[in-house]
């Protein structure tokens, strides 16, 4: 993606919600084709990742209605890497299509419930 297209993508983005991860807060923005997850790492620094709407919709369709899902379980059943799965789950949570709870020890991370 070139710089002009990247700037246009951010210009067209609308704020959806913010989602708390284990170590970071993710700010979710939406465009026509993508979601953008922004993480701040300092007062004037941060990172962003794109998540396609197609990928979010596919996970919603395939795993909707399931409870206590981990990102590892979804990763095993798809071709996505674990970070892409987590980004998709955070987008679903920002859209109120998923909820998360912290796993009980000895488990780590989150358990997600995806709405149908």
N, C-alpha and C. Protein backbone atom coordinates (compact mmCIF):
# COMPACT_ATOMS: atom_id res chain seq x y z
N UNK A 1 0.86 -1.17 0.00
CA UNK A 1 0.00 0.00 0.00
C UNK A 1 0.91 1.23 0.00
N UNK A 2 0.65 2.14 -0.91
CA UNK A 2 1.48 3.34 -0.96
C UNK A 2 0.99 4.39 0.04
N UNK A 3 1.75 5.45 0.21
CA UNK A 3 1.47 6.46 1.24
C UNK A 3 0.14 7.16 1.01
N UNK A 4 -0.19 7.46 -0.25
CA UNK A 4 -1.47 8.14 -0.53
C UNK A 4 -2.66 7.26 -0.17
N UNK A 5 -2.57 5.98 -0.52
CA UNK A 5 -3.66 5.05 -0.20
C UNK A 5 -3.78 4.87 1.30
N UNK A 6 -2.65 4.83 1.99
CA UNK A 6 -2.66 4.70 3.44
C UNK A 6 -3.31 5.90 4.10
N UNK A 7 -2.95 7.09 3.65
CA UNK A 7 -3.56 8.31 4.19
C UNK A 7 -5.06 8.36 3.91
N UNK A 8 -5.45 7.94 2.71
CA UNK A 8 -6.88 7.92 2.36
C UNK A 8 -7.64 6.94 3.24
N UNK A 9 -7.01 5.82 3.54
CA UNK A 9 -7.66 4.81 4.40
C UNK A 9 -7.92 5.39 5.79
N UNK A 10 -6.94 6.09 6.35
CA UNK A 10 -7.12 6.70 7.66
C UNK A 10 -8.12 7.86 7.60
N UNK A 11 -8.10 8.60 6.52
CA UNK A 11 -9.01 9.74 6.38
C UNK A 11 -10.47 9.29 6.38
N UNK A 12 -10.73 8.13 5.76
CA UNK A 12 -12.10 7.62 5.66
C UNK A 12 -12.52 6.81 6.87
N UNK A 13 -11.63 6.61 7.83
CA UNK A 13 -11.91 5.74 8.97
C UNK A 13 -12.81 6.41 10.00
N UNK A 14 -13.69 5.61 10.57
CA UNK A 14 -14.58 6.07 11.65
C UNK A 14 -14.27 5.25 12.90
N UNK A 15 -14.26 5.92 14.03
CA UNK A 15 -13.97 5.25 15.30
C UNK A 15 -15.11 4.31 15.66
N UNK A 16 -14.76 3.07 16.02
CA UNK A 16 -15.74 2.07 16.42
C UNK A 16 -15.78 1.97 17.94
N UNK A 17 -14.65 1.62 18.54
CA UNK A 17 -14.59 1.44 19.99
C UNK A 17 -13.15 1.19 20.40
N UNK A 18 -12.94 1.10 21.69
CA UNK A 18 -11.62 0.68 22.18
C UNK A 18 -11.79 -0.62 22.95
N UNK A 19 -10.74 -1.45 22.89
CA UNK A 19 -10.77 -2.77 23.49
C UNK A 19 -9.49 -2.95 24.30
N UNK A 20 -9.61 -3.47 25.50
CA UNK A 20 -8.45 -3.70 26.35
C UNK A 20 -7.91 -5.09 26.13
N UNK A 21 -6.62 -5.19 25.84
CA UNK A 21 -5.93 -6.46 25.77
C UNK A 21 -5.21 -6.70 27.08
N UNK A 22 -4.34 -7.70 27.12
CA UNK A 22 -3.59 -7.96 28.35
C UNK A 22 -2.60 -6.85 28.65
N UNK A 23 -1.92 -6.34 27.62
CA UNK A 23 -0.88 -5.34 27.83
C UNK A 23 -1.18 -4.01 27.18
N UNK A 24 -2.14 -3.95 26.28
CA UNK A 24 -2.39 -2.74 25.51
C UNK A 24 -3.88 -2.47 25.36
N UNK A 25 -4.18 -1.24 25.02
CA UNK A 25 -5.53 -0.88 24.63
C UNK A 25 -5.52 -0.69 23.13
N UNK A 26 -6.48 -1.29 22.45
CA UNK A 26 -6.59 -1.21 21.00
C UNK A 26 -7.74 -0.28 20.65
N UNK A 27 -7.47 0.65 19.75
CA UNK A 27 -8.50 1.55 19.25
C UNK A 27 -8.88 1.04 17.87
N UNK A 28 -10.16 0.75 17.67
CA UNK A 28 -10.63 0.13 16.44
C UNK A 28 -11.33 1.18 15.59
N UNK A 29 -10.85 1.30 14.34
CA UNK A 29 -11.43 2.21 13.36
C UNK A 29 -11.97 1.36 12.21
N UNK A 30 -13.01 1.85 11.54
CA UNK A 30 -13.61 1.09 10.44
C UNK A 30 -13.60 1.91 9.16
N UNK A 31 -13.30 1.23 8.04
CA UNK A 31 -13.42 1.80 6.70
C UNK A 31 -14.32 0.87 5.90
N UNK A 32 -14.49 1.15 4.62
CA UNK A 32 -15.36 0.31 3.80
C UNK A 32 -14.82 -1.11 3.66
N UNK A 33 -13.51 -1.25 3.53
CA UNK A 33 -12.92 -2.57 3.27
C UNK A 33 -12.19 -3.17 4.47
N UNK A 34 -11.76 -2.34 5.40
CA UNK A 34 -10.89 -2.81 6.48
C UNK A 34 -11.30 -2.26 7.83
N UNK A 35 -10.75 -2.89 8.84
CA UNK A 35 -10.72 -2.32 10.18
C UNK A 35 -9.27 -2.00 10.47
N UNK A 36 -9.04 -0.96 11.24
CA UNK A 36 -7.68 -0.57 11.61
C UNK A 36 -7.59 -0.64 13.12
N UNK A 37 -6.62 -1.41 13.61
CA UNK A 37 -6.36 -1.48 15.05
C UNK A 37 -5.14 -0.62 15.34
N UNK A 38 -5.30 0.35 16.22
CA UNK A 38 -4.23 1.27 16.58
C UNK A 38 -3.86 1.02 18.03
N UNK A 39 -2.56 0.88 18.30
CA UNK A 39 -2.05 0.70 19.65
C UNK A 39 -1.03 1.80 19.90
N UNK A 40 -1.17 2.49 21.01
CA UNK A 40 -0.21 3.53 21.37
C UNK A 40 0.88 2.93 22.25
N UNK A 41 2.13 3.22 21.90
CA UNK A 41 3.25 2.70 22.69
C UNK A 41 3.96 3.81 23.45
N UNK A 42 3.55 5.02 23.25
CA UNK A 42 4.13 6.17 23.94
C UNK A 42 3.27 7.39 23.66
N UNK A 43 3.65 8.55 24.19
CA UNK A 43 2.82 9.73 24.00
C UNK A 43 2.66 10.13 22.52
N UNK A 44 3.71 9.93 21.74
CA UNK A 44 3.66 10.29 20.32
C UNK A 44 4.06 9.13 19.42
N UNK A 45 3.85 7.90 19.89
CA UNK A 45 4.26 6.73 19.11
C UNK A 45 3.20 5.64 19.21
N UNK A 46 3.14 4.82 18.17
CA UNK A 46 2.19 3.72 18.19
C UNK A 46 2.33 2.85 16.95
N UNK A 47 1.47 1.88 16.86
CA UNK A 47 1.45 0.95 15.73
C UNK A 47 0.02 0.80 15.25
N UNK A 48 -0.11 0.33 14.02
CA UNK A 48 -1.44 0.03 13.50
C UNK A 48 -1.38 -1.22 12.65
N UNK A 49 -2.51 -1.93 12.60
CA UNK A 49 -2.65 -3.12 11.78
C UNK A 49 -3.99 -3.07 11.08
N UNK A 50 -4.01 -3.56 9.84
CA UNK A 50 -5.24 -3.67 9.09
C UNK A 50 -5.82 -5.07 9.26
N UNK A 51 -7.14 -5.15 9.36
CA UNK A 51 -7.86 -6.42 9.39
C UNK A 51 -8.98 -6.29 8.36
N UNK A 52 -9.02 -7.19 7.40
CA UNK A 52 -10.04 -7.08 6.35
C UNK A 52 -11.42 -7.44 6.90
N UNK A 53 -12.40 -6.77 6.38
CA UNK A 53 -13.78 -7.08 6.77
C UNK A 53 -14.13 -8.53 6.39
N UNK A 54 -13.58 -9.00 5.28
CA UNK A 54 -13.83 -10.38 4.85
C UNK A 54 -13.39 -11.38 5.91
N UNK A 55 -12.22 -11.16 6.49
CA UNK A 55 -11.71 -12.09 7.50
C UNK A 55 -12.57 -12.04 8.76
N UNK A 56 -13.00 -10.85 9.15
CA UNK A 56 -13.85 -10.70 10.34
C UNK A 56 -15.18 -11.41 10.11
N UNK A 57 -15.77 -11.19 8.93
CA UNK A 57 -17.05 -11.83 8.61
C UNK A 57 -16.92 -13.36 8.56
N UNK A 58 -15.80 -13.85 8.02
CA UNK A 58 -15.60 -15.30 7.92
C UNK A 58 -15.51 -15.94 9.30
N UNK A 59 -14.77 -15.33 10.21
CA UNK A 59 -14.66 -15.88 11.56
C UNK A 59 -16.01 -15.80 12.27
N UNK A 60 -16.74 -14.71 12.07
CA UNK A 60 -18.07 -14.56 12.68
C UNK A 60 -19.01 -15.67 12.19
N UNK A 61 -19.00 -15.92 10.89
CA UNK A 61 -19.88 -16.96 10.33
C UNK A 61 -19.49 -18.35 10.82
N UNK A 62 -18.20 -18.63 10.80
CA UNK A 62 -17.74 -19.98 11.12
C UNK A 62 -17.81 -20.31 12.61
N UNK A 63 -17.54 -19.34 13.46
CA UNK A 63 -17.46 -19.62 14.88
C UNK A 63 -18.57 -18.95 15.70
N UNK A 64 -19.49 -18.27 15.03
CA UNK A 64 -20.59 -17.62 15.73
C UNK A 64 -21.43 -18.61 16.50
N UNK A 65 -21.79 -18.26 17.74
CA UNK A 65 -22.58 -19.14 18.58
C UNK A 65 -21.74 -20.03 19.47
N UNK A 66 -20.43 -20.01 19.31
CA UNK A 66 -19.55 -20.86 20.12
C UNK A 66 -19.10 -20.09 21.37
N UNK A 67 -18.88 -20.85 22.43
CA UNK A 67 -18.48 -20.26 23.71
C UNK A 67 -17.10 -20.75 24.12
N UNK A 68 -16.43 -19.95 24.92
CA UNK A 68 -15.13 -20.29 25.51
C UNK A 68 -14.09 -20.68 24.46
N UNK A 69 -14.05 -19.92 23.37
CA UNK A 69 -13.05 -20.15 22.33
C UNK A 69 -11.76 -19.44 22.69
N UNK A 70 -10.65 -20.07 22.37
CA UNK A 70 -9.36 -19.41 22.50
C UNK A 70 -8.85 -19.08 21.09
N UNK A 71 -7.91 -18.17 21.03
CA UNK A 71 -7.34 -17.84 19.73
C UNK A 71 -6.62 -19.06 19.15
N UNK A 72 -6.05 -19.91 20.00
CA UNK A 72 -5.35 -21.12 19.52
C UNK A 72 -6.33 -22.09 18.85
N UNK A 73 -7.53 -22.22 19.38
CA UNK A 73 -8.52 -23.12 18.77
C UNK A 73 -8.93 -22.61 17.39
N UNK A 74 -9.11 -21.32 17.27
CA UNK A 74 -9.49 -20.75 15.98
C UNK A 74 -8.32 -20.88 15.00
N UNK A 75 -7.10 -20.66 15.49
CA UNK A 75 -5.91 -20.77 14.65
C UNK A 75 -5.78 -22.18 14.06
N UNK A 76 -6.07 -23.20 14.87
CA UNK A 76 -5.96 -24.58 14.40
C UNK A 76 -6.94 -24.87 13.26
N UNK A 77 -8.10 -24.20 13.28
CA UNK A 77 -9.14 -24.50 12.30
C UNK A 77 -9.14 -23.55 11.11
N UNK A 78 -8.21 -22.61 11.09
CA UNK A 78 -8.09 -21.66 9.98
C UNK A 78 -6.63 -21.60 9.53
N UNK A 79 -6.37 -20.81 8.53
CA UNK A 79 -5.00 -20.61 8.05
C UNK A 79 -4.38 -19.34 8.59
N UNK A 80 -5.02 -18.72 9.54
CA UNK A 80 -4.55 -17.46 10.10
C UNK A 80 -3.48 -17.69 11.15
N UNK A 81 -2.58 -16.71 11.32
CA UNK A 81 -1.64 -16.84 12.43
C UNK A 81 -2.30 -16.30 13.70
N UNK A 82 -1.67 -16.55 14.83
CA UNK A 82 -2.32 -16.25 16.11
C UNK A 82 -2.57 -14.77 16.32
N UNK A 83 -1.70 -13.92 15.78
CA UNK A 83 -1.91 -12.49 15.95
C UNK A 83 -3.08 -11.99 15.10
N UNK A 84 -3.22 -12.54 13.89
CA UNK A 84 -4.37 -12.17 13.06
C UNK A 84 -5.67 -12.60 13.73
N UNK A 85 -5.68 -13.79 14.33
CA UNK A 85 -6.87 -14.27 15.04
C UNK A 85 -7.22 -13.33 16.19
N UNK A 86 -6.23 -12.94 16.97
CA UNK A 86 -6.48 -12.02 18.09
C UNK A 86 -7.01 -10.68 17.60
N UNK A 87 -6.44 -10.18 16.51
CA UNK A 87 -6.93 -8.90 15.96
C UNK A 87 -8.39 -9.01 15.54
N UNK A 88 -8.73 -10.11 14.89
CA UNK A 88 -10.12 -10.32 14.47
C UNK A 88 -11.04 -10.40 15.68
N UNK A 89 -10.62 -11.11 16.71
CA UNK A 89 -11.44 -11.21 17.92
C UNK A 89 -11.60 -9.85 18.60
N UNK A 90 -10.56 -9.03 18.60
CA UNK A 90 -10.67 -7.69 19.16
C UNK A 90 -11.64 -6.82 18.36
N UNK A 91 -11.62 -6.97 17.03
CA UNK A 91 -12.58 -6.23 16.19
C UNK A 91 -14.00 -6.68 16.50
N UNK A 92 -14.21 -7.99 16.62
CA UNK A 92 -15.54 -8.50 16.96
C UNK A 92 -15.99 -7.99 18.32
N UNK A 93 -15.07 -7.90 19.26
CA UNK A 93 -15.43 -7.37 20.57
C UNK A 93 -15.78 -5.88 20.48
N UNK A 94 -15.05 -5.14 19.68
CA UNK A 94 -15.34 -3.72 19.51
C UNK A 94 -16.72 -3.51 18.88
N UNK A 95 -17.13 -4.44 18.03
CA UNK A 95 -18.44 -4.37 17.38
C UNK A 95 -19.55 -4.95 18.25
N UNK A 96 -19.22 -5.40 19.44
CA UNK A 96 -20.17 -6.04 20.36
C UNK A 96 -20.68 -7.37 19.82
N UNK A 97 -19.89 -8.03 18.97
CA UNK A 97 -20.24 -9.34 18.44
C UNK A 97 -19.52 -10.46 19.19
N UNK A 98 -18.64 -10.08 20.11
CA UNK A 98 -17.92 -11.07 20.93
C UNK A 98 -17.68 -10.46 22.30
N UNK A 99 -17.59 -11.33 23.28
CA UNK A 99 -17.20 -10.90 24.62
C UNK A 99 -16.05 -11.77 25.06
N UNK A 100 -15.25 -11.25 25.98
CA UNK A 100 -14.11 -12.03 26.46
C UNK A 100 -14.09 -12.04 27.97
N UNK A 101 -13.49 -13.10 28.47
CA UNK A 101 -13.23 -13.18 29.90
C UNK A 101 -11.84 -13.76 30.08
N UNK A 102 -11.23 -13.46 31.20
CA UNK A 102 -9.89 -13.95 31.47
C UNK A 102 -9.97 -15.42 31.87
N UNK A 103 -9.10 -16.23 31.29
CA UNK A 103 -9.08 -17.67 31.58
C UNK A 103 -8.64 -17.90 33.02
N UNK A 104 -9.21 -18.93 33.63
CA UNK A 104 -8.84 -19.28 35.00
C UNK A 104 -7.52 -20.05 35.00
N UNK A 105 -6.67 -19.82 36.00
CA UNK A 105 -5.41 -20.56 36.07
C UNK A 105 -5.69 -22.07 36.14
N UNK A 106 -4.89 -22.90 35.56
CA UNK A 106 -3.57 -22.63 35.00
C UNK A 106 -3.61 -22.07 33.59
N UNK A 107 -4.80 -21.85 33.01
CA UNK A 107 -4.90 -21.27 31.69
C UNK A 107 -4.42 -19.82 31.68
N UNK A 108 -4.09 -19.34 30.49
CA UNK A 108 -3.66 -17.96 30.35
C UNK A 108 -4.46 -17.32 29.22
N UNK A 109 -4.48 -16.00 29.20
CA UNK A 109 -5.12 -15.29 28.10
C UNK A 109 -6.62 -15.14 28.30
N UNK A 110 -7.33 -15.11 27.17
CA UNK A 110 -8.76 -14.85 27.17
C UNK A 110 -9.55 -16.01 26.59
N UNK A 111 -10.79 -16.10 27.01
CA UNK A 111 -11.78 -16.98 26.41
C UNK A 111 -12.83 -16.08 25.79
N UNK A 112 -13.19 -16.36 24.53
CA UNK A 112 -14.13 -15.52 23.80
C UNK A 112 -15.44 -16.25 23.57
N UNK A 113 -16.52 -15.50 23.60
CA UNK A 113 -17.84 -15.97 23.20
C UNK A 113 -18.23 -15.14 21.99
N UNK A 114 -18.46 -15.80 20.85
CA UNK A 114 -18.81 -15.08 19.63
C UNK A 114 -20.31 -15.24 19.39
N UNK A 115 -20.99 -14.12 19.21
CA UNK A 115 -22.42 -14.15 18.95
C UNK A 115 -22.69 -14.66 17.54
N UNK A 116 -23.83 -15.28 17.39
CA UNK A 116 -24.24 -15.85 16.10
C UNK A 116 -24.53 -14.76 15.11
